[in-house]
Amino acid sequence: MLNIELMVEHVLDHSNFNGRVAVVLGSGLGGFANGLDDPKIISYKDIPGYPKSTVEGHLGELAIGKFNGVELIAAKGRFHYYEGYDFDTITIPIRLFSRLGVDHLIITNSSGSMNIDCPPGTLMAITGHMDCTYRNSADDPKLFTGMPYHDKGLVELANLSAEKIGLKLASGHYCWTLGPSYETTAEIEDMQRMGGDAVGMSTVPEIIAAGELGMKVLTISCLTNFAAGISPHALNHEEVIDTAKKAGEKFTSLLKNVISDLKL
């Protein structure tokens, strides 16, 4: 049985964390944590009972420090269904953050674009999500927008922060699929029909857990490739990592501005 309290104790013993902000960093986006003041790094493998991240681009460590006076904790690496983890395990970081006193969560990911107007390299504020895993039903998934899963105030803050640095921030709906294989052209067309703009293999469990725990949630996707049927070539994880790294500077700049302007 998972023991969140043991995990909390380990983090506090090694960091003295006392902040209210957490960030989940997606594939190829871990560079943001390198800019933290006085960072303390805690490896996932050293936290009692904590799962291990096995996907390229996910380092598997917590980075704790301050940016512009704001104390935060960042997860460099997440967990996925296709790694063999269940929903409770995937959302351990979110429950850990909540027990540590976090009430503002910024979730990031690298995802595929299903919107021809949002080419690779685009950053997108997620305003709604759909669970397209069909784990429980073959019916069309429900689109969830607004509270408690997508804080409108934080989305507005992200847009203002983007304007401040001269960045165009797109907005749209994120579709969660199981993976690890990329989606087929038919699956992409179906998600487009339902109003999807971005697609990926993570994030929605984290959004659901954070919303149910009462956190204010902002999700930002780095669109790293066009999805199947839109992309002129076969999809691959190397492209995801490469594009995320190239977009890293503007992503980091946006994230830092959002965090600096948070009203805590």
Protein backbone atom coordinates (compact mmCIF):
# COMPACT_ATOMS: atom_id res chain seq x y z
CA MET A 1 0.00 0.00 0.00
CA LEU A 2 1.28 3.46 -0.93
CA ASN A 3 2.18 5.67 2.03
CA ILE A 4 2.00 9.36 1.07
CA GLU A 5 2.98 10.41 4.60
CA LEU A 6 6.34 8.64 4.29
CA MET A 7 6.93 10.46 1.00
CA VAL A 8 6.03 13.80 2.58
CA GLU A 9 8.39 13.13 5.48
CA HIS A 10 11.25 12.32 3.10
CA VAL A 11 10.75 15.50 1.05
CA LEU A 12 10.58 17.70 4.14
CA ASP A 13 13.62 16.03 5.70
CA HIS A 14 15.64 16.84 2.58
CA SER A 15 14.32 20.27 1.61
CA ASN A 16 12.34 22.26 4.23
CA PHE A 17 9.81 22.99 1.46
CA ASN A 18 7.17 25.49 2.54
CA GLY A 19 5.66 26.73 -0.71
CA ARG A 20 2.27 26.74 -2.40
CA VAL A 21 3.29 26.25 -6.05
CA ALA A 22 4.16 23.07 -7.94
CA VAL A 23 5.04 22.45 -11.58
CA VAL A 24 4.90 19.17 -13.49
CA LEU A 25 7.43 19.26 -16.33
CA GLY A 26 6.71 17.24 -19.47
CA SER A 27 8.93 15.51 -22.04
CA GLY A 28 11.95 17.65 -22.91
CA LEU A 29 10.78 20.56 -20.72
CA GLY A 30 12.81 19.86 -17.59
CA GLY A 31 15.23 22.71 -18.31
CA PHE A 32 12.93 25.16 -16.50
CA ALA A 33 14.06 23.80 -13.14
CA ASN A 34 17.69 24.70 -13.90
CA GLY A 35 16.85 28.35 -13.25
CA LEU A 36 15.73 27.88 -9.64
CA ASP A 37 17.61 29.67 -6.86
CA ASP A 38 19.30 27.40 -4.29
CA PRO A 39 17.81 24.23 -5.78
CA LYS A 40 17.58 20.99 -3.84
CA ILE A 41 17.24 17.84 -5.94
CA ILE A 42 15.51 14.70 -4.66
CA SER A 43 15.64 11.61 -6.87
CA TYR A 44 12.42 9.65 -7.24
CA LYS A 45 14.33 6.45 -6.45
CA ASP A 46 15.21 7.79 -2.99
CA ILE A 47 11.60 8.58 -1.99
CA PRO A 48 10.04 5.62 -0.10
CA GLY A 49 7.45 3.88 -2.29
CA TYR A 50 7.66 6.45 -5.08
CA PRO A 51 7.26 5.11 -8.64
CA LYS A 52 10.04 5.32 -11.22
CA SER A 53 9.91 7.28 -14.48
CA THR A 54 11.00 5.15 -17.45
CA VAL A 55 10.38 7.42 -20.46
CA GLU A 56 13.12 9.34 -22.30
CA GLY A 57 12.97 13.06 -21.48
CA HIS A 58 11.71 12.44 -17.93
CA LEU A 59 14.66 12.66 -15.52
CA GLY A 60 12.85 11.32 -12.47
CA GLU A 61 13.56 13.88 -9.76
CA LEU A 62 11.98 16.66 -7.73
CA ALA A 63 13.61 20.08 -7.89
CA ILE A 64 12.84 22.43 -5.00
CA GLY A 65 13.87 26.09 -4.90
CA LYS A 66 12.75 29.65 -5.49
CA PHE A 67 12.15 31.79 -8.52
CA ASN A 68 11.78 35.54 -8.02
CA GLY A 69 11.03 34.89 -4.36
CA VAL A 70 8.33 32.29 -5.05
CA GLU A 71 9.09 28.93 -3.47
CA LEU A 72 8.09 25.98 -5.63
CA ILE A 73 8.54 22.29 -6.24
CA ALA A 74 8.93 20.89 -9.74
CA ALA A 75 8.50 17.30 -10.87
CA LYS A 76 11.00 16.52 -13.63
CA GLY A 77 9.30 13.44 -15.01
CA ARG A 78 5.82 11.95 -14.78
CA PHE A 79 4.18 8.52 -15.00
CA HIS A 80 1.93 7.01 -17.67
CA TYR A 81 -0.63 4.24 -17.95
CA TYR A 82 1.43 2.56 -20.63
CA GLU A 83 4.29 2.11 -18.16
CA GLY A 84 2.05 -0.32 -16.28
CA TYR A 85 0.89 2.10 -13.57
CA ASP A 86 -2.71 2.48 -12.40
CA PHE A 87 -4.56 5.77 -11.88
CA ASP A 88 -3.65 6.02 -8.18
CA THR A 89 0.05 5.58 -8.94
CA ILE A 90 0.05 8.06 -11.82
CA THR A 91 -1.37 10.74 -9.51
CA ILE A 92 0.99 10.18 -6.56
CA PRO A 93 2.93 13.42 -7.31
CA ILE A 94 -0.27 15.45 -7.18
CA ARG A 95 -1.35 13.96 -3.86
CA LEU A 96 2.17 14.48 -2.50
CA PHE A 97 2.08 18.14 -3.55
CA SER A 98 -1.29 18.61 -1.88
CA ARG A 99 -0.03 17.14 1.40
CA LEU A 100 2.97 19.49 1.20
CA GLY A 101 0.61 22.49 1.12
CA VAL A 102 0.54 23.20 -2.64
CA ASP A 103 -2.65 24.85 -3.86
CA HIS A 104 -1.44 26.21 -7.25
CA LEU A 105 -0.43 23.61 -9.82
CA ILE A 106 1.02 24.25 -13.28
CA ILE A 107 0.98 21.14 -15.46
CA THR A 108 3.01 21.04 -18.66
CA ASN A 109 3.35 18.48 -21.41
CA SER A 110 4.61 17.86 -24.90
CA SER A 111 1.72 16.94 -27.17
CA GLY A 112 0.65 16.55 -30.76
CA SER A 113 -1.26 19.29 -32.55
CA MET A 114 -4.60 18.43 -34.15
CA ASN A 115 -5.12 22.06 -35.16
CA ILE A 116 -3.56 23.11 -38.47
CA ASP A 117 -3.37 26.70 -37.14
CA CYS A 118 -1.09 25.56 -34.29
CA PRO A 119 2.16 24.25 -35.82
CA PRO A 120 4.97 22.50 -33.90
CA GLY A 121 6.61 24.87 -31.43
CA THR A 122 3.30 26.50 -30.45
CA LEU A 123 2.50 26.84 -26.73
CA MET A 124 -1.14 26.22 -25.85
CA ALA A 125 -3.09 27.02 -22.67
CA ILE A 126 -5.46 24.11 -22.12
CA THR A 127 -9.03 25.22 -21.39
CA GLY A 128 -10.72 21.82 -21.52
CA HIS A 129 -9.93 18.12 -21.56
CA MET A 130 -11.36 14.80 -22.71
CA ASP A 131 -10.54 11.29 -21.54
CA CYS A 132 -10.21 9.49 -24.89
CA THR A 133 -8.89 6.25 -23.41
CA TYR A 134 -12.31 4.55 -23.60
CA ARG A 135 -11.41 2.58 -20.50
CA ASN A 136 -14.94 2.67 -19.11
CA SER A 137 -17.21 3.25 -22.10
CA ALA A 138 -17.26 3.29 -25.90
CA ASP A 139 -19.37 6.46 -25.84
CA ASP A 140 -17.96 9.82 -26.88
CA PRO A 141 -16.01 11.26 -23.93
CA LYS A 142 -17.31 14.32 -22.12
CA LEU A 143 -15.50 17.63 -22.55
CA PHE A 144 -14.65 19.22 -19.21
CA THR A 145 -13.97 22.96 -19.21
CA GLY A 146 -13.57 25.53 -16.47
CA MET A 147 -13.54 24.82 -12.75
CA PRO A 148 -12.42 22.81 -10.91
CA TYR A 149 -10.03 21.50 -13.55
CA HIS A 150 -9.06 24.61 -15.53
CA ASP A 151 -8.76 27.82 -13.52
CA LYS A 152 -9.95 30.70 -15.68
CA GLY A 153 -7.97 33.21 -13.63
CA LEU A 154 -4.73 31.32 -14.25
CA VAL A 155 -5.48 30.98 -17.97
CA GLU A 156 -6.02 34.74 -18.11
CA LEU A 157 -2.76 35.27 -16.21
CA ALA A 158 -0.95 33.04 -18.72
CA ASN A 159 -2.32 35.07 -21.61
CA LEU A 160 -1.25 38.34 -19.98
CA SER A 161 2.20 36.90 -19.26
CA ALA A 162 2.51 35.80 -22.89
CA GLU A 163 1.58 39.28 -24.12
CA LYS A 164 4.21 40.77 -21.83
CA ILE A 165 6.99 38.79 -23.50
CA GLY A 166 5.61 39.11 -27.02
CA LEU A 167 4.52 35.47 -27.26
CA LYS A 168 1.38 34.25 -28.97
CA LEU A 169 -0.27 31.72 -26.66
CA ALA A 170 -2.86 29.48 -28.27
CA SER A 171 -5.76 27.91 -26.36
CA GLY A 172 -7.57 24.65 -26.86
CA HIS A 173 -8.77 21.28 -25.63
CA TYR A 174 -6.47 18.38 -24.71
CA CYS A 175 -7.32 14.73 -25.45
CA TRP A 176 -5.82 11.95 -23.35
CA THR A 177 -5.01 8.62 -25.02
CA LEU A 178 -3.45 5.54 -23.46
CA GLY A 179 -0.37 5.11 -25.68
CA PRO A 180 2.38 4.09 -26.00
CA SER A 181 1.70 3.94 -29.74
CA TYR A 182 0.81 7.17 -31.52
CA GLU A 183 -2.77 7.66 -32.65
CA THR A 184 -4.04 6.59 -36.06
CA THR A 185 -5.37 9.06 -38.61
CA ALA A 186 -8.91 7.81 -37.93
CA GLU A 187 -8.51 8.38 -34.18
CA ILE A 188 -7.22 11.91 -34.77
CA GLU A 189 -10.14 12.72 -37.06
CA ASP A 190 -12.55 11.46 -34.39
CA MET A 191 -10.96 13.62 -31.68
CA GLN A 192 -11.04 16.63 -34.01
CA ARG A 193 -14.75 15.97 -34.55
CA MET A 194 -15.27 16.15 -30.78
CA GLY A 195 -13.40 19.45 -30.50
CA GLY A 196 -9.88 18.32 -29.62
CA ASP A 197 -6.87 20.53 -30.41
CA ALA A 198 -3.98 18.69 -28.73
CA VAL A 199 -3.39 15.02 -28.01
CA GLY A 200 -1.09 13.20 -25.62
CA MET A 201 -0.61 10.24 -23.31
CA SER A 202 -0.61 11.98 -19.92
CA THR A 203 -1.86 15.01 -17.98
CA VAL A 204 -5.60 14.29 -17.62
CA PRO A 205 -5.17 12.07 -14.53
CA GLU A 206 -3.12 14.88 -12.95
CA ILE A 207 -5.77 17.47 -13.86
CA ILE A 208 -8.53 15.34 -12.36
CA ALA A 209 -6.63 14.62 -9.14
CA ALA A 210 -5.62 18.26 -8.65
CA GLY A 211 -9.15 19.53 -9.28
CA GLU A 212 -10.62 17.08 -6.80
CA LEU A 213 -8.03 18.15 -4.20
CA GLY A 214 -9.07 21.79 -4.58
CA MET A 215 -5.97 23.06 -6.34
CA LYS A 216 -6.01 25.90 -8.84
CA VAL A 217 -4.80 24.29 -12.07
CA LEU A 218 -3.15 25.71 -15.19
CA THR A 219 -2.11 23.37 -18.00
CA ILE A 220 0.23 24.44 -20.80
CA SER A 221 1.08 22.19 -23.74
CA CYS A 222 4.12 22.51 -25.96
CA LEU A 223 2.92 21.26 -29.35
CA THR A 224 5.87 19.30 -30.66
CA ASN A 225 4.48 17.71 -33.83
CA PHE A 226 1.41 17.52 -36.03
CA ALA A 227 -0.71 14.45 -35.26
CA ALA A 228 -1.20 11.53 -37.65
CA GLY A 229 -2.92 12.49 -40.88
CA ILE A 230 -1.69 16.07 -40.50
CA SER A 231 2.03 15.36 -40.26
CA PRO A 232 3.65 14.55 -43.63
CA HIS A 233 5.94 11.95 -42.01
CA ALA A 234 5.82 9.17 -39.44
CA LEU A 235 5.69 10.28 -35.80
CA ASN A 236 8.54 9.54 -33.41
CA HIS A 237 9.55 10.38 -29.83
CA GLU A 238 12.85 11.93 -30.93
CA GLU A 239 10.93 14.66 -32.75
CA VAL A 240 8.92 15.33 -29.60
CA ILE A 241 12.05 15.76 -27.47
CA ASP A 242 13.87 17.84 -30.09
CA THR A 243 11.00 20.29 -30.65
CA ALA A 244 10.36 20.63 -26.92
CA LYS A 245 14.02 21.54 -26.36
CA LYS A 246 13.91 24.10 -29.18
CA ALA A 247 10.78 25.68 -27.66
CA GLY A 248 12.33 25.51 -24.20
CA GLU A 249 13.47 29.14 -24.03
CA LYS A 250 10.07 30.68 -24.71
CA PHE A 251 8.39 28.02 -22.57
CA THR A 252 10.68 28.81 -19.64
CA SER A 253 10.18 32.55 -20.11
CA LEU A 254 6.38 32.14 -20.07
CA LEU A 255 6.44 29.89 -17.02
CA LYS A 256 8.67 32.26 -15.06
CA ASN A 257 6.41 35.22 -15.84
CA VAL A 258 3.32 33.33 -14.78
CA ILE A 259 4.91 32.28 -11.50
CA SER A 260 6.22 35.79 -10.79
CA ASP A 261 2.72 37.26 -11.23
CA LEU A 262 0.82 34.68 -9.17
CA LYS A 263 -1.38 36.17 -6.46
CA LEU A 264 -0.62 33.89 -3.53
